[in-house]
Amino acid sequence: MFERKKKVSNREASVLDTMIDAIVTINAQGRIAFFNRAAENLWGYSRDEVLKKNVSMLMPDDIAAKHNDYLKAYSKTREAHIIGTGRSVQVGYPL
């Protein structure tokens, strides 16, 4: 059974990796867990450069400064204000 789940997970990762939209997923601590090829192209970082780093590295400073507080508030209250919603990031943010 475990093998089957692993194959589905690999297939899903493959589909996400080939999408034309940038997809970034994070864990509960805000660390990047998945970064597809389109995200590499958009931000100019390789997957290896960002995996396990805080997602705030991809945000403008004013948003990044508040992001960890959003995550902490969600973990305490389970009230999603930002988490679980899509977000548009301004393209052209200087790296």
N, C-alpha and C. Protein backbone atom coordinates (compact mmCIF):
# COMPACT_ATOMS: atom_id res chain seq x y z
N MET A 1 0.82 -1.20 0.00
CA MET A 1 0.00 0.00 0.00
C MET A 1 0.86 1.25 0.00
N PHE A 2 1.93 1.27 0.81
CA PHE A 2 2.80 2.43 0.87
C PHE A 2 3.42 2.74 -0.48
N GLU A 3 3.81 1.69 -1.22
CA GLU A 3 4.41 1.88 -2.55
C GLU A 3 3.44 2.61 -3.48
N ARG A 4 2.17 2.22 -3.42
CA ARG A 4 1.18 2.85 -4.29
C ARG A 4 1.05 4.33 -3.98
N LYS A 5 0.99 4.68 -2.71
CA LYS A 5 0.90 6.09 -2.32
C LYS A 5 2.10 6.86 -2.81
N LYS A 6 3.26 6.26 -2.74
CA LYS A 6 4.48 6.92 -3.20
C LYS A 6 4.41 7.21 -4.69
N LYS A 7 3.90 6.26 -5.48
CA LYS A 7 3.77 6.46 -6.92
C LYS A 7 2.79 7.57 -7.24
N VAL A 8 1.66 7.62 -6.55
CA VAL A 8 0.69 8.69 -6.77
C VAL A 8 1.33 10.02 -6.42
N SER A 9 2.05 10.06 -5.34
CA SER A 9 2.71 11.29 -4.93
C SER A 9 3.72 11.75 -5.98
N ASN A 10 4.48 10.84 -6.53
CA ASN A 10 5.44 11.18 -7.58
C ASN A 10 4.73 11.68 -8.83
N ARG A 11 3.61 11.04 -9.17
CA ARG A 11 2.86 11.46 -10.35
C ARG A 11 2.30 12.86 -10.14
N GLU A 12 1.75 13.12 -8.97
CA GLU A 12 1.21 14.44 -8.68
C GLU A 12 2.31 15.50 -8.72
N ALA A 13 3.46 15.18 -8.16
CA ALA A 13 4.59 16.11 -8.18
C ALA A 13 5.02 16.38 -9.61
N SER A 14 4.99 15.37 -10.45
CA SER A 14 5.36 15.54 -11.85
C SER A 14 4.39 16.48 -12.56
N VAL A 15 3.10 16.31 -12.29
CA VAL A 15 2.09 17.18 -12.90
C VAL A 15 2.29 18.62 -12.43
N LEU A 16 2.47 18.81 -11.13
CA LEU A 16 2.68 20.16 -10.60
C LEU A 16 3.95 20.79 -11.15
N ASP A 17 4.98 19.98 -11.33
CA ASP A 17 6.26 20.49 -11.80
C ASP A 17 6.18 20.99 -13.24
N THR A 18 5.30 20.42 -14.04
CA THR A 18 5.22 20.80 -15.45
C THR A 18 4.14 21.85 -15.74
N MET A 19 3.45 22.32 -14.73
CA MET A 19 2.44 23.36 -14.94
C MET A 19 3.11 24.67 -15.35
N ILE A 20 2.38 25.48 -16.11
CA ILE A 20 2.98 26.75 -16.55
C ILE A 20 2.93 27.82 -15.47
N ASP A 21 2.06 27.65 -14.46
CA ASP A 21 2.00 28.60 -13.35
C ASP A 21 3.01 28.21 -12.28
N ALA A 22 3.57 29.21 -11.64
CA ALA A 22 4.50 28.96 -10.53
C ALA A 22 3.71 28.43 -9.34
N ILE A 23 4.18 27.34 -8.76
CA ILE A 23 3.54 26.74 -7.60
C ILE A 23 4.58 26.56 -6.50
N VAL A 24 4.26 27.13 -5.34
CA VAL A 24 5.13 27.02 -4.17
C VAL A 24 4.24 26.53 -3.04
N THR A 25 4.65 25.45 -2.37
CA THR A 25 3.93 25.01 -1.19
C THR A 25 4.88 25.10 0.00
N ILE A 26 4.28 25.31 1.17
CA ILE A 26 5.09 25.45 2.39
C ILE A 26 4.55 24.54 3.48
N ASN A 27 5.38 24.29 4.48
CA ASN A 27 4.93 23.52 5.64
C ASN A 27 4.41 24.49 6.70
N ALA A 28 4.05 23.97 7.84
CA ALA A 28 3.45 24.78 8.91
C ALA A 28 4.40 25.86 9.44
N GLN A 29 5.69 25.66 9.28
CA GLN A 29 6.67 26.64 9.75
C GLN A 29 7.04 27.66 8.68
N GLY A 30 6.41 27.57 7.51
CA GLY A 30 6.69 28.52 6.44
C GLY A 30 7.89 28.13 5.59
N ARG A 31 8.37 26.92 5.75
CA ARG A 31 9.51 26.44 4.95
C ARG A 31 9.00 25.88 3.64
N ILE A 32 9.70 26.18 2.56
CA ILE A 32 9.29 25.75 1.22
C ILE A 32 9.44 24.24 1.11
N ALA A 33 8.34 23.59 0.72
CA ALA A 33 8.31 22.14 0.57
C ALA A 33 8.30 21.73 -0.90
N PHE A 34 7.74 22.58 -1.77
CA PHE A 34 7.68 22.29 -3.20
C PHE A 34 7.86 23.59 -3.97
N PHE A 35 8.61 23.52 -5.04
CA PHE A 35 8.93 24.69 -5.87
C PHE A 35 9.06 24.18 -7.29
N ASN A 36 8.08 24.48 -8.14
CA ASN A 36 8.11 23.89 -9.47
C ASN A 36 8.98 24.68 -10.45
N ARG A 37 9.11 24.16 -11.67
CA ARG A 37 9.98 24.79 -12.67
C ARG A 37 9.55 26.20 -13.01
N ALA A 38 8.24 26.44 -13.08
CA ALA A 38 7.76 27.79 -13.38
C ALA A 38 8.16 28.75 -12.27
N ALA A 39 8.17 28.28 -11.03
CA ALA A 39 8.62 29.12 -9.91
C ALA A 39 10.11 29.42 -10.04
N GLU A 40 10.88 28.43 -10.48
CA GLU A 40 12.30 28.66 -10.72
C GLU A 40 12.49 29.77 -11.75
N ASN A 41 11.70 29.71 -12.81
CA ASN A 41 11.81 30.72 -13.86
C ASN A 41 11.35 32.09 -13.39
N LEU A 42 10.30 32.13 -12.59
CA LEU A 42 9.74 33.39 -12.12
C LEU A 42 10.68 34.10 -11.15
N TRP A 43 11.18 33.37 -10.16
CA TRP A 43 12.00 34.00 -9.13
C TRP A 43 13.50 33.93 -9.40
N GLY A 44 13.92 33.04 -10.31
CA GLY A 44 15.33 32.95 -10.63
C GLY A 44 16.16 32.12 -9.65
N TYR A 45 15.50 31.40 -8.78
CA TYR A 45 16.18 30.50 -7.85
C TYR A 45 15.97 29.06 -8.31
N SER A 46 16.95 28.21 -8.10
CA SER A 46 16.74 26.80 -8.37
C SER A 46 15.99 26.18 -7.19
N ARG A 47 15.38 25.05 -7.44
CA ARG A 47 14.66 24.33 -6.38
C ARG A 47 15.58 24.07 -5.19
N ASP A 48 16.80 23.64 -5.47
CA ASP A 48 17.74 23.33 -4.38
C ASP A 48 18.08 24.55 -3.53
N GLU A 49 18.04 25.74 -4.13
CA GLU A 49 18.35 26.96 -3.38
C GLU A 49 17.26 27.35 -2.39
N VAL A 50 16.02 26.95 -2.66
CA VAL A 50 14.91 27.41 -1.83
C VAL A 50 14.29 26.36 -0.92
N LEU A 51 14.42 25.08 -1.28
CA LEU A 51 13.78 24.05 -0.46
C LEU A 51 14.26 24.14 0.98
N LYS A 52 13.31 24.05 1.90
CA LYS A 52 13.52 24.11 3.34
C LYS A 52 13.86 25.50 3.86
N LYS A 53 13.86 26.51 2.99
CA LYS A 53 14.07 27.89 3.44
C LYS A 53 12.71 28.55 3.63
N ASN A 54 12.69 29.63 4.39
CA ASN A 54 11.44 30.32 4.66
C ASN A 54 10.93 30.99 3.39
N VAL A 55 9.64 30.82 3.14
CA VAL A 55 9.01 31.35 1.94
C VAL A 55 9.10 32.88 1.87
N SER A 56 9.32 33.51 2.99
CA SER A 56 9.41 34.97 3.01
C SER A 56 10.55 35.48 2.13
N MET A 57 11.49 34.62 1.79
CA MET A 57 12.58 35.04 0.90
C MET A 57 12.08 35.41 -0.49
N LEU A 58 10.87 35.00 -0.82
CA LEU A 58 10.29 35.28 -2.14
C LEU A 58 9.39 36.51 -2.13
N MET A 59 9.25 37.15 -0.98
CA MET A 59 8.29 38.25 -0.82
C MET A 59 8.99 39.59 -0.66
N PRO A 60 8.29 40.66 -1.02
CA PRO A 60 8.81 41.99 -0.69
C PRO A 60 8.92 42.12 0.83
N ASP A 61 9.83 42.93 1.30
CA ASP A 61 10.12 43.04 2.73
C ASP A 61 8.90 43.35 3.59
N ASP A 62 8.00 44.22 3.11
CA ASP A 62 6.85 44.60 3.93
C ASP A 62 5.89 43.43 4.17
N ILE A 63 5.76 42.53 3.22
CA ILE A 63 4.92 41.35 3.39
C ILE A 63 5.68 40.28 4.16
N ALA A 64 6.94 40.10 3.84
CA ALA A 64 7.76 39.07 4.49
C ALA A 64 7.83 39.29 5.99
N ALA A 65 7.89 40.53 6.42
CA ALA A 65 8.00 40.85 7.85
C ALA A 65 6.79 40.36 8.64
N LYS A 66 5.64 40.28 8.01
CA LYS A 66 4.40 39.89 8.68
C LYS A 66 4.06 38.41 8.50
N HIS A 67 4.69 37.76 7.53
CA HIS A 67 4.25 36.42 7.14
C HIS A 67 4.36 35.39 8.27
N ASN A 68 5.46 35.37 8.99
CA ASN A 68 5.61 34.40 10.08
C ASN A 68 4.56 34.63 11.17
N ASP A 69 4.18 35.89 11.39
CA ASP A 69 3.13 36.18 12.36
C ASP A 69 1.78 35.61 11.90
N TYR A 70 1.50 35.67 10.59
CA TYR A 70 0.27 35.08 10.06
C TYR A 70 0.26 33.58 10.33
N LEU A 71 1.40 32.93 10.09
CA LEU A 71 1.49 31.48 10.32
C LEU A 71 1.29 31.14 11.80
N LYS A 72 1.91 31.91 12.68
CA LYS A 72 1.77 31.66 14.12
C LYS A 72 0.32 31.84 14.57
N ALA A 73 -0.32 32.89 14.08
CA ALA A 73 -1.72 33.15 14.45
C ALA A 73 -2.61 32.01 13.96
N TYR A 74 -2.37 31.53 12.78
CA TYR A 74 -3.17 30.42 12.25
C TYR A 74 -2.97 29.16 13.07
N SER A 75 -1.74 28.87 13.45
CA SER A 75 -1.49 27.65 14.23
C SER A 75 -2.16 27.69 15.59
N LYS A 76 -2.37 28.89 16.14
CA LYS A 76 -3.04 29.02 17.43
C LYS A 76 -4.56 29.00 17.31
N THR A 77 -5.09 29.68 16.30
CA THR A 77 -6.54 29.88 16.21
C THR A 77 -7.23 29.03 15.16
N ARG A 78 -6.48 28.56 14.17
CA ARG A 78 -7.01 27.84 13.01
C ARG A 78 -7.96 28.72 12.19
N GLU A 79 -7.88 30.03 12.38
CA GLU A 79 -8.66 30.97 11.57
C GLU A 79 -7.77 31.44 10.43
N ALA A 80 -8.18 31.09 9.22
CA ALA A 80 -7.39 31.42 8.04
C ALA A 80 -7.78 32.80 7.51
N HIS A 81 -6.84 33.71 7.54
CA HIS A 81 -7.05 35.02 6.94
C HIS A 81 -6.26 35.11 5.64
N ILE A 82 -5.09 34.55 5.63
CA ILE A 82 -4.24 34.52 4.46
C ILE A 82 -4.02 33.08 4.01
N ILE A 83 -3.78 32.20 4.97
CA ILE A 83 -3.45 30.81 4.69
C ILE A 83 -4.60 30.11 3.99
N GLY A 84 -4.27 29.36 2.95
CA GLY A 84 -5.27 28.63 2.21
C GLY A 84 -5.89 29.42 1.09
N THR A 85 -5.45 30.64 0.91
CA THR A 85 -5.95 31.46 -0.18
C THR A 85 -4.84 31.64 -1.19
N GLY A 86 -5.21 31.86 -2.42
CA GLY A 86 -4.22 32.14 -3.45
C GLY A 86 -3.68 33.54 -3.25
N ARG A 87 -2.51 33.76 -3.74
CA ARG A 87 -1.92 35.07 -3.59
C ARG A 87 -1.19 35.44 -4.86
N SER A 88 -1.36 36.65 -5.30
CA SER A 88 -0.61 37.15 -6.45
C SER A 88 0.61 37.88 -5.93
N VAL A 89 1.73 37.60 -6.53
CA VAL A 89 2.97 38.24 -6.15
C VAL A 89 3.40 39.12 -7.30
N GLN A 90 3.79 40.32 -6.99
CA GLN A 90 4.21 41.26 -8.02
C GLN A 90 5.44 40.73 -8.74
N VAL A 91 5.29 40.51 -10.02
CA VAL A 91 6.43 40.07 -10.83
C VAL A 91 7.31 41.28 -11.06
N GLY A 92 8.58 41.04 -11.01
CA GLY A 92 9.51 42.13 -11.19
C GLY A 92 10.13 42.57 -9.89
N TYR A 93 9.73 41.91 -8.79
CA TYR A 93 10.36 42.20 -7.52
C TYR A 93 11.84 41.91 -7.64
N PRO A 94 12.70 42.86 -7.31
CA PRO A 94 14.13 42.63 -7.51
C PRO A 94 14.66 41.53 -6.59
N LEU A 95 15.46 40.65 -7.17
CA LEU A 95 16.03 39.55 -6.40
C LEU A 95 17.27 39.99 -5.66
